[in-house]
């Protein structure tokens, strides 16, 4: 197994995005099981719904399930491995002389990548437990309160980090708007959104009204915070970029709106389902289709804007294929994952439900073709960035051995 570098003072909390990306890729492969396998009476597939299909399903079905499960195992493993590596590197960085200046700069908001990663760990662990632990999903009502406690702890941690940053900025000043010429500050609201989507899962899937209501309120708090602060940071970021031009190295942050919208969109969809399941709310297929279509359109718009800007600054030739290195390159993995995941919702909870596309038809798989291409490119990019940014060069390994 290859060794990851020891970065010392060259470390940045943005490296936590490598772990977030791995967790997101695990969830992307879960989408095949979510939408292409039967799990009647259950909102998600689980060990008990998949095992009969692995034993008695068609050859194509068995191959798809086995491939998805193996990919999920691998990327959850990589998520945890990269999480441990990041925690070790961050501990060393926190004790370094440069940490104090880091804490008193715009870059302090990068610390929000830590609770973002913890929330991803919870979400990845949720699907891993349901898929691989026999009987665990059937005991979910006993586990949901613990999930609420865990997401509450992560949310409090995220809020403490953000309040330290925003209170310092508002009381002492010194926030450098000229250096805010990217959407890097959106990482904070992405973190809040990830906590919110975790709460929303409990709200939608629990049939205990008190537990569902607590999940609902927790999700509403963090999603509301994410949306409100997101508007502020989006305006400030674009104003600075329009005045000072976008910083070439951080242009991938233009795509952070894509995963942000995916997470917020799924959370709001789950909250609608929670209202329908437990509190007499009404959900319509046409309403869901319109909802997903609007959000997916916004994602495509920002995808085109980001692609155009990165092409003009030569980002792909310099920071992906070329010699220049930046941890912000990992910001390219989450958008690919997010576009694939949200595309699944648009196709299945949108187009299929309103009767425009027949389930598992030729048109159905034709719609999947472009988003599967996005997923495969994202997997390639994840390995490419790990090799470029994290792995020790062969010469360094030999020297260390000597």
Protein backbone atom coordinates (compact mmCIF):
# COMPACT_ATOMS: atom_id res chain seq x y z
CA UNK A 1 0.00 0.00 0.00
CA UNK A 2 1.39 3.40 -0.98
CA UNK A 3 2.42 5.87 1.71
CA UNK A 4 0.93 9.35 2.04
CA UNK A 5 3.26 12.31 2.49
CA UNK A 6 4.09 14.03 5.75
CA UNK A 7 3.41 17.67 4.82
CA UNK A 8 4.32 19.45 8.06
CA UNK A 9 3.79 23.22 7.81
CA UNK A 10 2.85 22.83 4.13
CA UNK A 11 -0.39 21.18 5.23
CA UNK A 12 -3.75 22.86 4.66
CA UNK A 13 -7.15 21.84 6.10
CA UNK A 14 -8.34 21.77 2.49
CA UNK A 15 -6.74 18.33 2.31
CA UNK A 16 -9.76 17.11 4.31
CA UNK A 17 -11.63 17.47 1.01
CA UNK A 18 -9.78 14.35 -0.17
CA UNK A 19 -11.61 12.36 2.51
CA UNK A 20 -14.90 14.11 1.73
CA UNK A 21 -14.45 13.19 -1.94
CA UNK A 22 -13.85 9.51 -1.14
CA UNK A 23 -16.97 9.39 1.04
CA UNK A 24 -18.96 11.09 -1.69
CA UNK A 25 -17.79 8.53 -4.26
CA UNK A 26 -19.00 5.74 -1.96
CA UNK A 27 -22.42 7.40 -1.84
CA UNK A 28 -22.42 7.81 -5.63
CA UNK A 29 -22.13 4.03 -6.08
CA UNK A 30 -24.89 3.58 -3.50
CA UNK A 31 -27.19 5.40 -5.95
CA UNK A 32 -27.22 2.35 -8.27
CA UNK A 33 -28.53 0.21 -5.42
CA UNK A 34 -30.92 2.92 -4.27
CA UNK A 35 -32.69 3.35 -7.59
CA UNK A 36 -32.08 0.10 -9.51
CA UNK A 37 -32.89 -2.56 -6.91
CA UNK A 38 -36.30 -3.26 -5.33
CA UNK A 39 -36.69 -2.46 -1.61
CA UNK A 40 -40.44 -2.28 -1.14
CA UNK A 41 -41.48 -0.90 2.23
CA UNK A 42 -38.04 0.55 2.91
CA UNK A 43 -36.75 3.98 1.81
CA UNK A 44 -33.29 2.57 1.06
CA UNK A 45 -31.78 -0.81 0.13
CA UNK A 46 -30.25 -2.83 2.94
CA UNK A 47 -28.52 -6.13 3.63
CA UNK A 48 -31.89 -7.93 3.80
CA UNK A 49 -33.07 -6.59 0.41
CA UNK A 50 -29.80 -7.13 -1.46
CA UNK A 51 -28.79 -10.63 -0.34
CA UNK A 52 -31.75 -12.39 -2.07
CA UNK A 53 -30.92 -10.50 -5.29
CA UNK A 54 -27.26 -11.53 -5.08
CA UNK A 55 -28.32 -15.15 -4.73
CA UNK A 56 -31.28 -15.35 -7.10
CA UNK A 57 -31.21 -12.25 -9.30
CA UNK A 58 -30.28 -12.09 -12.96
CA UNK A 59 -26.61 -12.16 -13.96
CA UNK A 60 -26.69 -8.46 -14.89
CA UNK A 61 -28.37 -7.57 -11.61
CA UNK A 62 -25.87 -9.61 -9.60
CA UNK A 63 -22.92 -8.03 -11.42
CA UNK A 64 -24.26 -4.50 -10.84
CA UNK A 65 -24.89 -5.10 -7.14
CA UNK A 66 -21.52 -6.78 -6.57
CA UNK A 67 -19.65 -4.00 -8.40
CA UNK A 68 -21.47 -1.28 -6.46
CA UNK A 69 -20.85 -2.99 -3.12
CA UNK A 70 -17.14 -3.46 -3.82
CA UNK A 71 -16.82 0.19 -4.87
CA UNK A 72 -18.64 1.31 -1.71
CA UNK A 73 -16.32 -0.79 0.48
CA UNK A 74 -13.23 0.61 -1.23
CA UNK A 75 -14.23 4.26 -1.08
CA UNK A 76 -15.42 4.06 2.53
CA UNK A 77 -12.04 2.54 3.36
CA UNK A 78 -10.29 5.38 1.50
CA UNK A 79 -12.49 7.93 3.25
CA UNK A 80 -11.46 6.59 6.66
CA UNK A 81 -7.81 6.24 5.68
CA UNK A 82 -7.67 9.81 4.41
CA UNK A 83 -9.55 11.03 7.49
CA UNK A 84 -6.94 9.47 9.79
CA UNK A 85 -4.09 10.88 7.69
CA UNK A 86 -5.64 14.35 7.75
CA UNK A 87 -6.16 14.27 11.51
CA UNK A 88 -2.50 13.38 12.03
CA UNK A 89 -1.33 16.08 9.63
CA UNK A 90 -3.65 18.66 11.17
CA UNK A 91 -2.38 17.85 14.66
CA UNK A 92 1.19 18.55 13.51
CA UNK A 93 0.11 21.70 11.64
CA UNK A 94 -1.79 22.99 14.68
CA UNK A 95 1.40 22.82 16.76
CA UNK A 96 3.47 24.66 14.13
CA UNK A 97 4.54 28.29 14.25
CA UNK A 98 2.46 29.17 11.20
CA UNK A 99 -0.86 28.12 12.71
CA UNK A 100 -1.36 31.40 14.58
CA UNK A 101 -1.12 33.50 11.41
CA UNK A 102 -3.38 31.00 9.64
CA UNK A 103 -6.01 31.43 12.38
CA UNK A 104 -5.96 35.22 11.96
CA UNK A 105 -6.47 35.26 8.19
CA UNK A 106 -9.24 34.61 5.68
CA UNK A 107 -7.99 31.02 5.54
CA UNK A 108 -9.32 30.26 9.02
CA UNK A 109 -12.65 29.34 7.42
CA UNK A 110 -10.88 26.32 5.88
CA UNK A 111 -11.21 24.67 9.30
CA UNK A 112 -14.86 24.11 8.42
CA UNK A 113 -13.62 21.27 6.20
CA UNK A 114 -13.14 19.24 9.41
CA UNK A 115 -16.79 19.06 10.55
CA UNK A 116 -17.72 18.68 6.88
CA UNK A 117 -15.62 15.51 6.82
CA UNK A 118 -17.08 14.24 10.10
CA UNK A 119 -20.60 14.71 8.71
CA UNK A 120 -19.59 12.78 5.59
CA UNK A 121 -18.26 10.01 7.86
CA UNK A 122 -21.68 9.75 9.47
CA UNK A 123 -23.45 9.65 6.11
CA UNK A 124 -21.04 7.06 4.67
CA UNK A 125 -21.28 5.01 7.87
CA UNK A 126 -25.07 5.13 7.62
CA UNK A 127 -25.14 3.46 4.20
CA UNK A 128 -22.28 1.11 5.09
CA UNK A 129 -24.12 -0.14 8.17
CA UNK A 130 -27.39 -0.62 6.29
CA UNK A 131 -25.73 -2.54 3.46
CA UNK A 132 -23.22 -4.73 5.26
CA UNK A 133 -24.50 -5.37 8.81
CA UNK A 134 -27.29 -8.00 8.91
CA UNK A 135 -30.37 -6.76 10.76
CA UNK A 136 -28.99 -3.31 11.49
CA UNK A 137 -31.45 -1.48 9.25
CA UNK A 138 -34.34 -3.31 10.88
CA UNK A 139 -33.20 -1.82 14.22
CA UNK A 140 -32.95 1.70 12.82
CA UNK A 141 -35.46 3.28 15.19
CA UNK A 142 -33.16 2.38 18.10
CA UNK A 143 -30.21 3.99 16.32
CA UNK A 144 -31.82 7.21 15.10
CA UNK A 145 -31.61 8.99 18.50
CA UNK A 146 -27.86 8.28 18.59
CA UNK A 147 -27.59 9.68 15.08
CA UNK A 148 -29.29 12.87 16.26
CA UNK A 149 -26.80 13.17 19.10
CA UNK A 150 -23.85 12.62 16.75
CA UNK A 151 -25.01 15.19 14.21
CA UNK A 152 -25.74 17.61 17.03
CA UNK A 153 -22.16 17.25 18.27
CA UNK A 154 -20.77 17.79 14.75
CA UNK A 155 -23.08 20.77 14.24
CA UNK A 156 -22.01 22.37 17.52
CA UNK A 157 -18.36 21.85 16.60
CA UNK A 158 -18.94 23.43 13.17
CA UNK A 159 -20.80 26.37 14.73
CA UNK A 160 -17.99 26.98 17.23
CA UNK A 161 -15.41 27.11 14.45
CA UNK A 162 -17.53 29.44 12.36
CA UNK A 163 -18.46 31.74 15.25
CA UNK A 164 -14.77 32.11 16.15
CA UNK A 165 -14.06 33.13 12.56
CA UNK A 166 -17.01 35.47 11.97
CA UNK A 167 -16.83 37.14 15.39
CA UNK A 168 -13.12 37.88 14.90
CA UNK A 169 -13.77 39.26 11.43
CA UNK A 170 -16.65 41.47 12.60
CA UNK A 171 -15.07 42.77 15.79
CA UNK A 172 -11.44 43.28 14.81
CA UNK A 173 -11.77 43.78 11.05
CA UNK A 174 -8.86 42.90 8.82
CA UNK A 175 -10.86 40.65 6.52
CA UNK A 176 -9.07 40.97 3.19
CA UNK A 177 -11.78 41.24 0.54
CA UNK A 178 -9.17 41.46 -2.22
CA UNK A 179 -7.94 37.99 -1.26
CA UNK A 180 -11.50 36.69 -1.15
CA UNK A 181 -11.49 36.46 -4.95
CA UNK A 182 -12.96 32.94 -5.03
CA UNK A 183 -15.86 31.05 -3.51
CA UNK A 184 -13.57 29.38 -0.97
CA UNK A 185 -15.59 30.87 1.90
CA UNK A 186 -18.52 28.70 0.77
CA UNK A 187 -16.87 25.73 2.45
CA UNK A 188 -18.40 26.92 5.72
CA UNK A 189 -21.96 26.81 4.40
CA UNK A 190 -21.28 23.49 2.67
CA UNK A 191 -20.33 22.13 6.08
CA UNK A 192 -23.57 23.36 7.65
CA UNK A 193 -25.54 21.88 4.74
CA UNK A 194 -23.88 18.49 5.22
CA UNK A 195 -24.92 18.47 8.87
CA UNK A 196 -28.42 19.50 7.83
CA UNK A 197 -28.78 16.67 5.32
CA UNK A 198 -27.75 14.22 8.04
CA UNK A 199 -30.54 15.45 10.31
CA UNK A 200 -32.98 15.27 7.40
CA UNK A 201 -32.33 11.55 6.94
CA UNK A 202 -33.57 10.88 10.46
CA UNK A 203 -36.54 13.19 9.93
CA UNK A 204 -37.60 11.37 6.75
CA UNK A 205 -36.91 7.79 7.80
CA UNK A 206 -38.03 7.63 11.41
CA UNK A 207 -41.67 6.84 12.10
CA UNK A 208 -41.41 7.97 15.72
CA UNK A 209 -42.92 11.43 15.57
CA UNK A 210 -40.74 12.95 18.29
CA UNK A 211 -37.53 11.66 16.69
CA UNK A 212 -38.69 12.77 13.24
CA UNK A 213 -39.60 16.23 14.56
CA UNK A 214 -36.23 16.65 16.27
CA UNK A 215 -34.46 15.63 13.07
CA UNK A 216 -36.68 18.04 11.13
CA UNK A 217 -35.87 20.99 13.39
CA UNK A 218 -32.16 20.21 13.43
CA UNK A 219 -32.11 20.02 9.65
CA UNK A 220 -34.09 23.25 9.25
CA UNK A 221 -31.66 25.11 11.53
CA UNK A 222 -28.52 24.08 9.66
CA UNK A 223 -30.02 24.25 6.17
CA UNK A 224 -31.43 27.72 6.91
CA UNK A 225 -28.02 28.84 8.18
CA UNK A 226 -26.38 27.39 5.07
CA UNK A 227 -28.76 29.13 2.67
CA UNK A 228 -28.66 32.53 4.39
CA UNK A 229 -24.88 32.61 4.84
CA UNK A 230 -24.46 31.11 1.38
CA UNK A 231 -26.17 34.11 -0.22
CA UNK A 232 -23.86 36.46 1.67
CA UNK A 233 -20.70 34.59 0.74
CA UNK A 234 -21.77 34.12 -2.87
CA UNK A 235 -22.30 37.87 -3.31
CA UNK A 236 -19.07 38.80 -1.53
CA UNK A 237 -17.07 36.25 -3.48
CA UNK A 238 -18.40 37.30 -6.88
CA UNK A 239 -17.97 40.99 -6.05
CA UNK A 240 -14.32 40.40 -5.18
CA UNK A 241 -13.73 38.27 -8.27
CA UNK A 242 -15.35 40.84 -10.54
CA UNK A 243 -13.13 43.56 -9.06
CA UNK A 244 -9.84 41.74 -8.55
CA UNK A 245 -10.29 38.79 -10.99
CA UNK A 246 -10.58 35.18 -9.88
CA UNK A 247 -7.51 33.64 -8.27
CA UNK A 248 -6.32 30.98 -10.73
CA UNK A 249 -5.42 28.42 -8.09
CA UNK A 250 -8.83 28.60 -6.41
CA UNK A 251 -11.07 28.71 -9.49
CA UNK A 252 -12.39 25.17 -8.71
CA UNK A 253 -14.34 26.81 -5.86
CA UNK A 254 -16.68 28.19 -8.53
CA UNK A 255 -18.08 24.66 -8.64
CA UNK A 256 -18.78 24.45 -4.90
CA UNK A 257 -22.35 25.56 -5.65
CA UNK A 258 -22.91 22.17 -7.30
CA UNK A 259 -22.41 19.98 -4.19
CA UNK A 260 -23.99 22.68 -2.02
CA UNK A 261 -27.18 22.59 -4.10
CA UNK A 262 -27.19 18.78 -4.13
CA UNK A 263 -26.94 18.55 -0.35
CA UNK A 264 -29.51 21.30 0.27
CA UNK A 265 -31.83 19.88 -2.39
CA UNK A 266 -31.75 16.36 -0.94
CA UNK A 267 -32.28 17.75 2.56
CA UNK A 268 -35.34 19.76 1.48
CA UNK A 269 -36.71 16.73 -0.41
CA UNK A 270 -36.30 14.59 2.69
CA UNK A 271 -38.02 17.22 4.84
CA UNK A 272 -40.96 17.17 2.42
CA UNK A 273 -41.09 13.38 2.75
CA UNK A 274 -40.93 13.66 6.55
CA UNK A 275 -43.96 15.96 6.47
CA UNK A 276 -45.80 13.47 4.24
CA UNK A 277 -44.91 10.40 6.30
CA UNK A 278 -45.45 11.75 9.80
CA UNK A 279 -47.26 15.09 9.79
CA UNK A 280 -50.01 15.01 7.13
CA UNK A 281 -48.03 16.92 4.53
CA UNK A 282 -48.75 16.58 0.82
CA UNK A 283 -46.02 15.75 -1.71
CA UNK A 284 -46.72 15.56 -5.45
CA UNK A 285 -44.62 14.00 -8.20
CA UNK A 286 -45.01 17.10 -10.37
CA UNK A 287 -43.83 19.33 -7.54
CA UNK A 288 -40.74 17.18 -7.02
CA UNK A 289 -40.00 17.21 -10.74
CA UNK A 290 -40.18 21.01 -10.85
CA UNK A 291 -38.04 21.27 -7.70
CA UNK A 292 -35.29 19.00 -9.01
CA UNK A 293 -35.36 20.60 -12.46
CA UNK A 294 -34.80 24.11 -11.10
CA UNK A 295 -31.90 23.08 -8.87
CA UNK A 296 -30.28 20.90 -11.55
CA UNK A 297 -30.46 23.82 -13.97
CA UNK A 298 -28.63 26.06 -11.49
CA UNK A 299 -25.98 23.37 -11.10
CA UNK A 300 -25.47 23.21 -14.86
CA UNK A 301 -25.20 27.00 -15.04
CA UNK A 302 -22.45 27.14 -12.43
CA UNK A 303 -20.83 24.11 -14.03
CA UNK A 304 -20.54 26.02 -17.30
CA UNK A 305 -19.31 29.20 -15.59
CA UNK A 306 -16.65 27.31 -13.65
CA UNK A 307 -15.54 25.30 -16.67
CA UNK A 308 -15.20 28.46 -18.78
CA UNK A 309 -13.15 30.31 -16.13
CA UNK A 310 -10.88 27.35 -15.41
CA UNK A 311 -10.28 26.88 -19.12
CA UNK A 312 -9.30 30.55 -19.52
CA UNK A 313 -6.77 30.42 -16.65
CA UNK A 314 -5.39 27.09 -17.91
CA UNK A 315 -6.32 25.29 -14.69
CA UNK A 316 -6.45 21.80 -16.15
CA UNK A 317 -3.05 22.13 -17.85
CA UNK A 318 -1.39 23.73 -14.81
CA UNK A 319 -2.88 22.12 -11.69
CA UNK A 320 -4.24 18.80 -12.98
CA UNK A 321 -1.94 17.66 -15.79
CA UNK A 322 0.88 20.14 -15.16
CA UNK A 323 3.48 20.56 -12.42
CA UNK A 324 1.63 23.00 -10.14
CA UNK A 325 0.05 21.56 -7.00
CA UNK A 326 -2.78 22.83 -4.82
CA UNK A 327 -5.02 21.14 -2.22
CA UNK A 328 -7.91 23.22 -3.59
CA UNK A 329 -7.86 20.83 -6.58
CA UNK A 330 -9.83 18.42 -4.40
CA UNK A 331 -12.71 20.87 -4.71
CA UNK A 332 -13.19 19.36 -8.19
CA UNK A 333 -14.14 15.91 -6.84
CA UNK A 334 -17.26 16.90 -4.87
CA UNK A 335 -18.99 18.61 -7.84
CA UNK A 336 -18.63 15.51 -10.01
CA UNK A 337 -20.08 13.35 -7.25
CA UNK A 338 -22.85 15.85 -6.57
CA UNK A 339 -23.92 16.19 -10.19
CA UNK A 340 -24.15 12.41 -10.53
CA UNK A 341 -26.13 12.02 -7.29
CA UNK A 342 -28.56 14.82 -8.05
CA UNK A 343 -28.98 13.53 -11.59
CA UNK A 344 -30.19 10.27 -10.04
CA UNK A 345 -32.89 12.15 -8.13
CA UNK A 346 -33.95 14.12 -11.20
CA UNK A 347 -34.29 10.93 -13.28
CA UNK A 348 -35.91 8.65 -10.70
CA UNK A 349 -37.82 10.90 -8.29
CA UNK A 350 -38.59 13.33 -11.11
CA UNK A 351 -38.94 12.03 -14.65
CA UNK A 352 -39.87 8.44 -13.78
CA UNK A 353 -42.43 9.46 -11.14
CA UNK A 354 -44.28 11.82 -13.49
CA UNK A 355 -44.45 9.11 -16.16
CA UNK A 356 -42.24 10.76 -18.77
CA UNK A 357 -39.58 8.04 -18.71
CA UNK A 358 -40.27 4.35 -18.14
CA UNK A 359 -38.25 2.73 -15.35
CA UNK A 360 -35.25 0.71 -16.67
CA UNK A 361 -36.18 1.50 -20.28
CA UNK A 362 -33.79 2.41 -23.10
CA UNK A 363 -34.56 6.09 -22.53
CA UNK A 364 -33.89 5.62 -18.82
CA UNK A 365 -30.39 4.29 -19.40
CA UNK A 366 -29.76 6.88 -22.12
CA UNK A 367 -30.37 9.58 -19.52
CA UNK A 368 -27.93 7.82 -17.20
CA UNK A 369 -25.14 7.74 -19.80
CA UNK A 370 -23.92 11.37 -19.38
CA UNK A 371 -24.01 11.34 -15.58
CA UNK A 372 -22.20 7.96 -15.47
CA UNK A 373 -19.53 9.56 -17.66
CA UNK A 374 -19.26 12.36 -15.07
CA UNK A 375 -18.92 9.78 -12.29
CA UNK A 376 -16.15 7.87 -14.09
CA UNK A 377 -14.19 11.06 -14.81
CA UNK A 378 -14.55 11.99 -11.13
CA UNK A 379 -13.19 8.60 -10.04
CA UNK A 380 -10.21 9.09 -12.39
CA UNK A 381 -9.65 12.61 -11.02
CA UNK A 382 -9.71 11.34 -7.43
CA UNK A 383 -6.92 8.85 -8.15
CA UNK A 384 -5.02 11.42 -10.20
CA UNK A 385 -5.05 13.97 -7.37
CA UNK A 386 -4.11 11.40 -4.74
CA UNK A 387 -1.13 10.33 -6.81
CA UNK A 388 -0.06 13.91 -7.45
CA UNK A 389 -0.67 15.52 -4.07
CA UNK A 390 -0.50 12.81 -1.41
CA UNK A 391 1.65 9.87 -2.38
CA UNK A 392 5.36 9.73 -1.67
CA UNK A 393 7.54 9.65 -4.76
CA UNK A 394 9.50 6.44 -5.30
CA UNK A 395 12.77 8.26 -4.69
CA UNK A 396 11.56 9.68 -1.40
CA UNK A 397 10.44 6.27 -0.23
CA UNK A 398 13.84 4.74 -1.09
CA UNK A 399 15.66 7.53 0.71
CA UNK A 400 13.48 7.10 3.80
CA UNK A 401 14.18 3.35 3.79
CA UNK A 402 17.92 3.98 3.68
